[in-house]
Every structure is written in C-alpha cells, then in structure tokens.
C-alpha cells in the first residue's frame, strides 16, 4: 500500500533464530522475494546475543546493515549488556525496556536508568525508543529527557494490517477536511 511505504517495520528476532547459519541469507531472500525496502526493516535483537560468539554476531549484523537493514538492541539494560561489546556492535538504536518505563514517574531509580540509557545512546550516536509507554505523563517525561520515539498502548494496541490501513485512511481523510 503506497501510503504505508514510509513506515518502518520492526521484527523481533530471537537469539536462537539469529544464530542459525542461514539467518542472513534467509532474511535477505525474504526482503528480495517480497520487494520490501530493506531500509524500512528494523530487526530487534536481544542482549542474549552477546553471550556467545560475539565475532559471528557482529559479522552477521554488519552483513545485514550493508543491505540497509536497521538493528535495534531490544530490552536494553535488563540482560547481559557489556559496554565493551556495545561499542563494537553496528547498531542503529537502543530500546528502553518496559520494566524501566512502567514506574519511570514514581521510582527515582527507573527515572535515572531511563536518563542514563538516553544519554548513552546519544553519546554513541544511536537512536532511542522506549517500549511500554501507556500514559501521556510517561511519554512527556521520556520526551523531556530526549527519548525521540515511544511505543506502547498509549498509541495503540497490536492490530492487523487491515485495521491499521483503515485507521491511517481515516486520519488522512480527517486532516484533509
């Protein structure tokens, strides 16, 4: 659908999937088969990828990036993060885990962690996104500390693509009136 062509689609990839020997080739084949714009695809990888075979992980990430596919480190700060590995990974974005976002307004530690993740991402030249944003005050706090993107029930529940298309169409119609 042409009016959705500018949107990015994020796909969660498990460590098990990513470690498959044919993961890169399979992903690139799907992009080719579907005619999708690789620059509009973002793979969300978990920190568990950093536990084993970091060199192989980095090589696969570089191959994907060479084809225009974006990479985001999902659930950042909840797992096995090593800052020494983080600087080596060809990432585009860090994703603040919902466990920090949920109580960001009431728990000073969660607020500090969110601020620190945003500052780290900015210092490394990475984008930042927060997951699990459910209220306007959470969104406002995150925007105030420099988090440029948010996702969560504040913006919508998971939906089928047809429902999304109709929703966008109704917004477009309303903005033209």
N, C-alpha and C. Protein backbone atom coordinates (compact mmCIF):
# COMPACT_ATOMS: atom_id res chain seq x y z
N UNK A 1 0.85 -1.18 0.00
CA UNK A 1 0.00 0.00 0.00
C UNK A 1 0.90 1.24 0.00
N UNK A 2 0.81 2.07 -1.02
CA UNK A 2 1.72 3.22 -1.16
C UNK A 2 1.74 4.16 0.03
N UNK A 3 0.60 4.41 0.66
CA UNK A 3 0.61 5.37 1.77
C UNK A 3 1.27 4.82 3.03
N UNK A 4 1.56 3.52 3.06
CA UNK A 4 2.26 2.93 4.20
C UNK A 4 3.74 2.71 3.88
N UNK A 5 4.16 3.06 2.67
CA UNK A 5 5.53 2.77 2.23
C UNK A 5 6.60 3.48 3.06
N UNK A 6 6.25 4.57 3.72
CA UNK A 6 7.23 5.32 4.52
C UNK A 6 7.41 4.74 5.93
N UNK A 7 6.56 3.82 6.32
CA UNK A 7 6.63 3.25 7.67
C UNK A 7 7.77 2.24 7.79
N UNK A 8 8.30 2.13 8.99
CA UNK A 8 9.32 1.13 9.29
C UNK A 8 8.63 -0.02 10.01
N UNK A 9 9.03 -1.23 9.69
CA UNK A 9 8.50 -2.39 10.41
C UNK A 9 9.63 -2.98 11.25
N UNK A 10 9.33 -3.17 12.52
CA UNK A 10 10.30 -3.76 13.44
C UNK A 10 9.91 -5.20 13.68
N UNK A 11 10.91 -6.07 13.62
CA UNK A 11 10.68 -7.51 13.79
C UNK A 11 11.58 -8.01 14.91
N UNK A 12 10.98 -8.64 15.91
CA UNK A 12 11.76 -9.24 17.00
C UNK A 12 12.42 -10.51 16.48
N UNK A 13 13.69 -10.65 16.78
CA UNK A 13 14.45 -11.84 16.38
C UNK A 13 15.05 -12.46 17.63
N UNK A 14 14.80 -13.73 17.83
CA UNK A 14 15.36 -14.40 19.00
C UNK A 14 16.84 -14.71 18.76
N UNK A 15 17.55 -14.93 19.85
CA UNK A 15 18.96 -15.30 19.75
C UNK A 15 19.09 -16.62 18.98
N UNK A 16 18.18 -17.54 19.21
CA UNK A 16 18.21 -18.83 18.52
C UNK A 16 18.07 -18.64 17.01
N UNK A 17 17.13 -17.81 16.59
CA UNK A 17 16.95 -17.54 15.16
C UNK A 17 18.21 -16.91 14.58
N UNK A 18 18.71 -15.90 15.27
CA UNK A 18 19.85 -15.14 14.75
C UNK A 18 21.09 -16.02 14.60
N UNK A 19 21.24 -17.00 15.48
CA UNK A 19 22.41 -17.88 15.44
C UNK A 19 22.35 -18.93 14.34
N UNK A 20 21.21 -19.08 13.69
CA UNK A 20 21.12 -20.05 12.59
C UNK A 20 22.09 -19.65 11.49
N UNK A 21 22.78 -20.62 10.94
CA UNK A 21 23.83 -20.33 9.96
C UNK A 21 23.31 -19.62 8.72
N UNK A 22 22.05 -19.84 8.38
CA UNK A 22 21.49 -19.23 7.17
C UNK A 22 20.61 -18.01 7.47
N UNK A 23 20.72 -17.44 8.67
CA UNK A 23 19.84 -16.34 9.05
C UNK A 23 19.96 -15.14 8.10
N UNK A 24 21.17 -14.71 7.82
CA UNK A 24 21.36 -13.54 6.95
C UNK A 24 20.82 -13.83 5.55
N UNK A 25 21.22 -14.96 4.99
CA UNK A 25 20.77 -15.31 3.64
C UNK A 25 19.25 -15.43 3.58
N UNK A 26 18.66 -16.05 4.61
CA UNK A 26 17.20 -16.20 4.64
C UNK A 26 16.48 -14.86 4.75
N UNK A 27 17.02 -13.98 5.58
CA UNK A 27 16.42 -12.65 5.74
C UNK A 27 16.50 -11.87 4.44
N UNK A 28 17.65 -11.88 3.81
CA UNK A 28 17.82 -11.16 2.54
C UNK A 28 16.95 -11.75 1.45
N UNK A 29 16.75 -13.06 1.45
CA UNK A 29 15.88 -13.71 0.47
C UNK A 29 14.43 -13.25 0.65
N UNK A 30 13.99 -13.13 1.91
CA UNK A 30 12.62 -12.67 2.17
C UNK A 30 12.45 -11.22 1.70
N UNK A 31 13.44 -10.39 1.96
CA UNK A 31 13.37 -9.00 1.51
C UNK A 31 13.28 -8.95 -0.01
N UNK A 32 14.09 -9.76 -0.68
CA UNK A 32 14.07 -9.80 -2.15
C UNK A 32 12.74 -10.33 -2.68
N UNK A 33 12.28 -11.43 -2.10
CA UNK A 33 11.02 -12.06 -2.53
C UNK A 33 9.84 -11.12 -2.43
N UNK A 34 9.78 -10.39 -1.34
CA UNK A 34 8.63 -9.52 -1.08
C UNK A 34 8.75 -8.16 -1.76
N UNK A 35 9.96 -7.82 -2.20
CA UNK A 35 10.17 -6.50 -2.78
C UNK A 35 10.18 -5.40 -1.74
N UNK A 36 10.33 -5.78 -0.48
CA UNK A 36 10.34 -4.80 0.61
C UNK A 36 11.58 -3.93 0.52
N UNK A 37 11.46 -2.71 1.01
CA UNK A 37 12.60 -1.81 1.10
C UNK A 37 13.37 -2.16 2.37
N UNK A 38 14.58 -2.69 2.20
CA UNK A 38 15.38 -3.12 3.35
C UNK A 38 15.62 -1.98 4.32
N UNK A 39 15.63 -0.74 3.84
CA UNK A 39 15.85 0.41 4.71
C UNK A 39 14.66 0.67 5.64
N UNK A 40 13.54 0.03 5.35
CA UNK A 40 12.33 0.17 6.17
C UNK A 40 12.16 -0.99 7.15
N UNK A 41 13.16 -1.88 7.19
CA UNK A 41 13.11 -3.03 8.08
C UNK A 41 14.09 -2.81 9.22
N UNK A 42 13.61 -3.02 10.44
CA UNK A 42 14.47 -2.94 11.62
C UNK A 42 14.34 -4.25 12.38
N UNK A 43 15.47 -4.90 12.62
CA UNK A 43 15.47 -6.13 13.40
C UNK A 43 15.80 -5.79 14.84
N UNK A 44 14.97 -6.26 15.75
CA UNK A 44 15.17 -6.03 17.18
C UNK A 44 15.82 -7.28 17.77
N UNK A 45 17.04 -7.10 18.23
CA UNK A 45 17.84 -8.20 18.75
C UNK A 45 17.96 -8.06 20.26
N UNK A 46 17.98 -9.17 20.96
CA UNK A 46 18.08 -9.12 22.41
C UNK A 46 19.53 -9.22 22.86
N UNK A 47 19.76 -8.80 24.08
CA UNK A 47 21.11 -8.81 24.64
C UNK A 47 21.69 -10.22 24.77
N UNK A 48 20.85 -11.23 24.77
CA UNK A 48 21.36 -12.60 24.91
C UNK A 48 22.27 -12.99 23.74
N UNK A 49 22.19 -12.24 22.65
CA UNK A 49 23.11 -12.50 21.52
C UNK A 49 24.56 -12.27 21.92
N UNK A 50 24.77 -11.48 22.96
CA UNK A 50 26.13 -11.10 23.33
C UNK A 50 26.82 -12.15 24.20
N UNK A 51 26.11 -13.20 24.54
CA UNK A 51 26.68 -14.21 25.42
C UNK A 51 27.68 -15.10 24.69
N UNK A 52 27.34 -15.50 23.48
CA UNK A 52 28.15 -16.45 22.74
C UNK A 52 28.58 -15.87 21.40
N UNK A 53 29.74 -16.23 20.97
CA UNK A 53 30.25 -15.96 19.63
C UNK A 53 29.99 -14.52 19.15
N UNK A 54 30.54 -13.59 19.88
CA UNK A 54 30.31 -12.18 19.58
C UNK A 54 30.82 -11.81 18.19
N UNK A 55 31.95 -12.37 17.79
CA UNK A 55 32.50 -12.06 16.46
C UNK A 55 31.53 -12.45 15.36
N UNK A 56 30.92 -13.62 15.47
CA UNK A 56 29.94 -14.07 14.48
C UNK A 56 28.72 -13.16 14.49
N UNK A 57 28.28 -12.78 15.67
CA UNK A 57 27.13 -11.88 15.80
C UNK A 57 27.41 -10.56 15.11
N UNK A 58 28.56 -9.98 15.36
CA UNK A 58 28.93 -8.70 14.75
C UNK A 58 29.01 -8.84 13.24
N UNK A 59 29.57 -9.93 12.75
CA UNK A 59 29.68 -10.13 11.30
C UNK A 59 28.31 -10.22 10.66
N UNK A 60 27.40 -10.97 11.26
CA UNK A 60 26.04 -11.06 10.72
C UNK A 60 25.36 -9.70 10.74
N UNK A 61 25.55 -8.96 11.82
CA UNK A 61 24.94 -7.63 11.92
C UNK A 61 25.49 -6.72 10.81
N UNK A 62 26.77 -6.78 10.58
CA UNK A 62 27.37 -5.95 9.52
C UNK A 62 26.82 -6.32 8.14
N UNK A 63 26.66 -7.60 7.89
CA UNK A 63 26.11 -8.03 6.61
C UNK A 63 24.70 -7.49 6.41
N UNK A 64 23.89 -7.56 7.44
CA UNK A 64 22.52 -7.04 7.36
C UNK A 64 22.53 -5.54 7.14
N UNK A 65 23.36 -4.83 7.90
CA UNK A 65 23.45 -3.37 7.74
C UNK A 65 23.95 -2.99 6.36
N UNK A 66 24.86 -3.77 5.79
CA UNK A 66 25.36 -3.50 4.44
C UNK A 66 24.24 -3.54 3.40
N UNK A 67 23.15 -4.22 3.73
CA UNK A 67 21.99 -4.29 2.83
C UNK A 67 20.90 -3.31 3.25
N UNK A 68 21.20 -2.43 4.20
CA UNK A 68 20.26 -1.38 4.58
C UNK A 68 19.33 -1.72 5.72
N UNK A 69 19.44 -2.91 6.28
CA UNK A 69 18.55 -3.32 7.37
C UNK A 69 19.02 -2.68 8.68
N UNK A 70 18.10 -2.08 9.40
CA UNK A 70 18.40 -1.45 10.68
C UNK A 70 18.42 -2.45 11.81
N UNK A 71 19.17 -2.13 12.86
CA UNK A 71 19.32 -3.02 14.00
C UNK A 71 19.10 -2.27 15.31
N UNK A 72 18.26 -2.84 16.16
CA UNK A 72 17.95 -2.24 17.45
C UNK A 72 18.25 -3.26 18.54
N UNK A 73 18.84 -2.80 19.65
CA UNK A 73 19.09 -3.68 20.79
C UNK A 73 17.90 -3.57 21.73
N UNK A 74 17.09 -4.63 21.74
CA UNK A 74 15.84 -4.66 22.49
C UNK A 74 16.09 -4.94 23.97
N UNK A 75 15.19 -4.45 24.81
CA UNK A 75 15.21 -4.70 26.26
C UNK A 75 16.53 -4.28 26.88
N UNK A 76 17.10 -3.18 26.40
CA UNK A 76 18.42 -2.77 26.85
C UNK A 76 18.43 -2.54 28.36
N UNK A 77 19.47 -3.06 28.99
CA UNK A 77 19.67 -2.86 30.41
C UNK A 77 19.11 -3.96 31.29
N UNK A 78 18.45 -4.95 30.71
CA UNK A 78 17.82 -5.98 31.52
C UNK A 78 18.58 -7.29 31.51
N UNK A 79 19.58 -7.40 30.66
CA UNK A 79 20.20 -8.71 30.50
C UNK A 79 21.70 -8.69 30.67
N UNK A 80 22.37 -9.01 29.62
CA UNK A 80 23.80 -9.29 29.67
C UNK A 80 24.63 -8.18 29.04
N UNK A 81 24.17 -6.97 29.13
CA UNK A 81 24.87 -5.87 28.49
C UNK A 81 26.30 -5.75 28.96
N UNK A 82 27.16 -5.58 28.01
CA UNK A 82 28.54 -5.26 28.31
C UNK A 82 28.86 -4.03 27.48
N UNK A 83 29.23 -2.97 28.14
CA UNK A 83 29.50 -1.74 27.41
C UNK A 83 30.68 -1.92 26.45
N UNK A 84 31.59 -2.82 26.76
CA UNK A 84 32.70 -3.05 25.85
C UNK A 84 32.21 -3.67 24.54
N UNK A 85 31.17 -4.52 24.60
CA UNK A 85 30.59 -5.07 23.37
C UNK A 85 29.70 -4.06 22.68
N UNK A 86 29.00 -3.29 23.47
CA UNK A 86 28.06 -2.32 22.91
C UNK A 86 28.74 -1.40 21.91
N UNK A 87 29.94 -0.96 22.23
CA UNK A 87 30.64 -0.04 21.33
C UNK A 87 31.08 -0.72 20.03
N UNK A 88 31.12 -2.05 20.01
CA UNK A 88 31.54 -2.77 18.81
C UNK A 88 30.38 -3.12 17.89
N UNK A 89 29.17 -3.12 18.42
CA UNK A 89 28.02 -3.58 17.64
C UNK A 89 27.56 -2.51 16.66
N UNK A 90 27.28 -2.91 15.43
CA UNK A 90 26.79 -1.96 14.42
C UNK A 90 25.29 -1.70 14.58
N UNK A 91 24.93 -1.08 15.68
CA UNK A 91 23.53 -0.81 16.00
C UNK A 91 23.08 0.53 15.46
N UNK A 92 21.77 0.68 15.34
CA UNK A 92 21.15 1.96 15.00
C UNK A 92 20.41 2.55 16.18
N UNK A 93 20.01 1.67 17.14
CA UNK A 93 19.08 2.12 18.16
C UNK A 93 19.18 1.25 19.42
N UNK A 94 18.94 1.88 20.57
CA UNK A 94 18.74 1.16 21.83
C UNK A 94 17.27 1.29 22.21
N UNK A 95 16.75 0.24 22.81
CA UNK A 95 15.34 0.24 23.20
C UNK A 95 15.25 0.12 24.72
N UNK A 96 14.67 1.13 25.36
CA UNK A 96 14.49 1.11 26.82
C UNK A 96 13.40 0.10 27.15
N UNK A 97 13.72 -0.82 28.01
CA UNK A 97 12.78 -1.88 28.37
C UNK A 97 11.60 -1.32 29.16
N UNK A 98 10.46 -1.94 28.94
CA UNK A 98 9.22 -1.52 29.60
C UNK A 98 9.32 -1.59 31.12
N UNK A 99 10.19 -2.44 31.65
CA UNK A 99 10.31 -2.55 33.11
C UNK A 99 10.83 -1.25 33.72
N UNK A 100 11.58 -0.46 32.96
CA UNK A 100 12.04 0.84 33.44
C UNK A 100 11.00 1.93 33.17
N UNK A 101 10.26 1.78 32.07
CA UNK A 101 9.27 2.79 31.68
C UNK A 101 8.05 2.75 32.61
N UNK A 102 7.65 1.56 33.01
CA UNK A 102 6.42 1.39 33.80
C UNK A 102 6.38 2.32 35.02
N UNK A 103 7.48 2.39 35.77
CA UNK A 103 7.49 3.19 37.00
C UNK A 103 8.39 4.41 36.91
N UNK A 104 8.63 4.86 35.70
CA UNK A 104 9.56 5.98 35.49
C UNK A 104 9.13 7.25 36.23
N UNK A 105 7.84 7.39 36.52
CA UNK A 105 7.34 8.60 37.19
C UNK A 105 7.31 8.46 38.71
N UNK A 106 7.42 7.23 39.20
CA UNK A 106 7.30 7.02 40.64
C UNK A 106 8.55 6.42 41.29
N UNK A 107 9.42 5.86 40.50
CA UNK A 107 10.63 5.24 41.03
C UNK A 107 11.85 6.03 40.54
N UNK A 108 12.52 6.74 41.43
CA UNK A 108 13.67 7.55 41.01
C UNK A 108 14.77 6.71 40.35
N UNK A 109 14.89 5.44 40.74
CA UNK A 109 15.90 4.59 40.11
C UNK A 109 15.56 4.32 38.64
N UNK A 110 14.28 4.04 38.36
CA UNK A 110 13.87 3.82 36.97
C UNK A 110 14.05 5.09 36.15
N UNK A 111 13.75 6.24 36.75
CA UNK A 111 13.95 7.51 36.04
C UNK A 111 15.43 7.72 35.74
N UNK A 112 16.28 7.41 36.70
CA UNK A 112 17.73 7.56 36.48
C UNK A 112 18.24 6.61 35.41
N UNK A 113 17.74 5.38 35.43
CA UNK A 113 18.14 4.41 34.41
C UNK A 113 17.71 4.88 33.03
N UNK A 114 16.48 5.35 32.92
CA UNK A 114 16.00 5.84 31.62
C UNK A 114 16.86 7.01 31.13
N UNK A 115 17.15 7.96 32.02
CA UNK A 115 18.02 9.10 31.65
C UNK A 115 19.40 8.60 31.19
N UNK A 116 19.94 7.62 31.90
CA UNK A 116 21.26 7.11 31.57
C UNK A 116 21.28 6.40 30.22
N UNK A 117 20.24 5.63 29.94
CA UNK A 117 20.17 4.94 28.65
C UNK A 117 20.06 5.95 27.51
N UNK A 118 19.25 6.97 27.71
CA UNK A 118 19.12 8.02 26.68
C UNK A 118 20.47 8.71 26.47
N UNK A 119 21.14 9.07 27.54
CA UNK A 119 22.43 9.75 27.43
C UNK A 119 23.46 8.85 26.75
N UNK A 120 23.48 7.57 27.10
CA UNK A 120 24.41 6.63 26.49
C UNK A 120 24.14 6.50 24.99
N UNK A 121 22.88 6.33 24.63
CA UNK A 121 22.54 6.20 23.22
C UNK A 121 22.97 7.44 22.44
N UNK A 122 22.66 8.59 22.98
CA UNK A 122 23.03 9.84 22.30
C UNK A 122 24.55 9.95 22.16
N UNK A 123 25.28 9.60 23.21
CA UNK A 123 26.74 9.69 23.17
C UNK A 123 27.34 8.75 22.13
N UNK A 124 26.67 7.61 21.90
CA UNK A 124 27.14 6.65 20.91
C UNK A 124 26.57 6.90 19.52
N UNK A 125 25.76 7.96 19.39
CA UNK A 125 25.18 8.29 18.09
C UNK A 125 24.06 7.35 17.68
N UNK A 126 23.37 6.78 18.66
CA UNK A 126 22.29 5.84 18.38
C UNK A 126 20.93 6.48 18.63
N UNK A 127 19.94 5.98 17.92
CA UNK A 127 18.57 6.38 18.19
C UNK A 127 18.12 5.71 19.48
N UNK A 128 16.99 6.17 19.98
CA UNK A 128 16.47 5.61 21.24
C UNK A 128 14.95 5.48 21.11
N UNK A 129 14.44 4.39 21.63
CA UNK A 129 13.00 4.17 21.66
C UNK A 129 12.65 3.54 23.01
N UNK A 130 11.51 3.92 23.55
CA UNK A 130 11.04 3.36 24.82
C UNK A 130 9.82 2.50 24.54
N UNK A 131 9.80 1.32 25.14
CA UNK A 131 8.65 0.43 24.96
C UNK A 131 7.78 0.45 26.21
N UNK A 132 6.52 0.11 26.01
CA UNK A 132 5.61 0.01 27.14
C UNK A 132 5.07 1.33 27.63
N UNK A 133 5.04 2.34 26.77
CA UNK A 133 4.51 3.65 27.16
C UNK A 133 2.98 3.57 27.13
N UNK A 134 2.38 3.77 28.30
CA UNK A 134 0.93 3.61 28.42
C UNK A 134 0.20 4.89 28.78
N UNK A 135 0.93 5.91 29.26
CA UNK A 135 0.27 7.13 29.68
C UNK A 135 0.95 8.35 29.06
N UNK A 136 0.19 9.42 28.96
CA UNK A 136 0.74 10.67 28.44
C UNK A 136 1.84 11.22 29.35
N UNK A 137 1.70 11.16 30.68
CA UNK A 137 2.80 11.63 31.53
C UNK A 137 4.11 10.84 31.32
N UNK A 138 4.03 9.55 31.09
CA UNK A 138 5.23 8.77 30.77
C UNK A 138 5.87 9.28 29.48
N UNK A 139 5.03 9.48 28.45
CA UNK A 139 5.53 9.96 27.17
C UNK A 139 6.18 11.33 27.31
N UNK A 140 5.54 12.20 28.08
CA UNK A 140 6.07 13.55 28.28
C UNK A 140 7.42 13.51 29.00
N UNK A 141 7.53 12.68 30.03
CA UNK A 141 8.81 12.54 30.73
C UNK A 141 9.90 12.06 29.78
N UNK A 142 9.60 11.03 29.01
CA UNK A 142 10.59 10.47 28.08
C UNK A 142 11.00 11.51 27.03
N UNK A 143 10.04 12.27 26.52
CA UNK A 143 10.37 13.32 25.55
C UNK A 143 11.27 14.37 26.20
N UNK A 144 10.98 14.72 27.44
CA UNK A 144 11.76 15.73 28.16
C UNK A 144 13.22 15.29 28.33
N UNK A 145 13.46 14.00 28.51
CA UNK A 145 14.84 13.55 28.69
C UNK A 145 15.52 13.21 27.36
N UNK A 146 14.81 13.40 26.25
CA UNK A 146 15.44 13.23 24.94
C UNK A 146 15.14 11.94 24.22
N UNK A 147 14.16 11.19 24.69
CA UNK A 147 13.77 9.95 24.01
C UNK A 147 12.85 10.31 22.85
N UNK A 148 13.36 10.10 21.62
CA UNK A 148 12.63 10.60 20.45
C UNK A 148 11.49 9.70 19.98
N UNK A 149 11.47 8.46 20.39
CA UNK A 149 10.41 7.55 19.94
C UNK A 149 9.88 6.72 21.09
N UNK A 150 8.59 6.44 21.04
CA UNK A 150 7.96 5.61 22.05
C UNK A 150 7.00 4.66 21.37
N UNK A 151 6.78 3.54 22.01
CA UNK A 151 5.75 2.62 21.55
C UNK A 151 5.02 2.07 22.77
N UNK A 152 3.79 1.73 22.57
CA UNK A 152 3.01 1.18 23.67
C UNK A 152 1.52 1.44 23.50
N UNK A 153 0.76 1.01 24.47
CA UNK A 153 -0.69 1.11 24.38
C UNK A 153 -1.20 2.54 24.34
N UNK A 154 -0.39 3.52 24.74
CA UNK A 154 -0.81 4.91 24.60
C UNK A 154 -1.13 5.21 23.13
N UNK A 155 -0.41 4.58 22.23
CA UNK A 155 -0.55 4.85 20.80
C UNK A 155 -1.44 3.85 20.08
N UNK A 156 -1.62 2.69 20.65
CA UNK A 156 -2.49 1.69 20.04
C UNK A 156 -2.11 0.29 20.47
N UNK A 157 -3.06 -0.56 20.41
CA UNK A 157 -2.86 -1.98 20.73
C UNK A 157 -2.42 -2.69 19.45
N UNK A 158 -1.83 -3.87 19.58
CA UNK A 158 -1.50 -4.63 18.37
C UNK A 158 -2.74 -4.81 17.51
N UNK A 159 -2.55 -4.72 16.20
CA UNK A 159 -3.69 -4.83 15.29
C UNK A 159 -3.27 -5.45 13.97
N UNK A 160 -4.23 -5.95 13.27
CA UNK A 160 -3.98 -6.49 11.94
C UNK A 160 -3.71 -5.35 10.98
N UNK A 161 -2.98 -5.65 9.91
CA UNK A 161 -2.58 -4.61 8.97
C UNK A 161 -3.79 -3.91 8.34
N UNK A 162 -4.88 -4.65 8.09
CA UNK A 162 -6.08 -4.05 7.50
C UNK A 162 -6.68 -2.99 8.41
N UNK A 163 -6.67 -3.25 9.70
CA UNK A 163 -7.18 -2.29 10.68
C UNK A 163 -6.29 -1.05 10.69
N UNK A 164 -4.97 -1.25 10.64
CA UNK A 164 -4.02 -0.14 10.59
C UNK A 164 -4.25 0.71 9.34
N UNK A 165 -4.43 0.06 8.21
CA UNK A 165 -4.67 0.79 6.95
C UNK A 165 -5.92 1.64 7.05
N UNK A 166 -6.99 1.07 7.59
CA UNK A 166 -8.24 1.84 7.73
C UNK A 166 -8.07 3.01 8.69
N UNK A 167 -7.32 2.80 9.76
CA UNK A 167 -7.08 3.86 10.73
C UNK A 167 -6.31 5.00 10.08
N UNK A 168 -5.27 4.69 9.34
CA UNK A 168 -4.48 5.71 8.66
C UNK A 168 -5.32 6.44 7.63
N UNK A 169 -6.14 5.70 6.91
CA UNK A 169 -7.01 6.30 5.91
C UNK A 169 -7.98 7.29 6.55
N UNK A 170 -8.54 6.94 7.70
CA UNK A 170 -9.48 7.85 8.37
C UNK A 170 -8.77 9.10 8.89
N UNK A 171 -7.53 8.95 9.37
CA UNK A 171 -6.75 10.11 9.82
C UNK A 171 -6.44 11.02 8.63
N UNK A 172 -6.06 10.43 7.50
CA UNK A 172 -5.76 11.22 6.31
C UNK A 172 -6.99 11.99 5.84
N UNK A 173 -8.13 11.32 5.84
CA UNK A 173 -9.37 11.99 5.42
C UNK A 173 -9.70 13.15 6.36
N UNK A 174 -9.55 12.93 7.66
CA UNK A 174 -9.87 13.97 8.63
C UNK A 174 -8.92 15.16 8.50
N UNK A 175 -7.67 14.91 8.17
CA UNK A 175 -6.71 16.01 8.05
C UNK A 175 -6.88 16.81 6.77
N UNK A 176 -7.58 16.24 5.80
CA UNK A 176 -7.81 16.94 4.53
C UNK A 176 -9.06 17.80 4.57
N UNK A 177 -9.83 17.67 5.61
CA UNK A 177 -11.10 18.43 5.67
C UNK A 177 -10.92 19.77 6.27
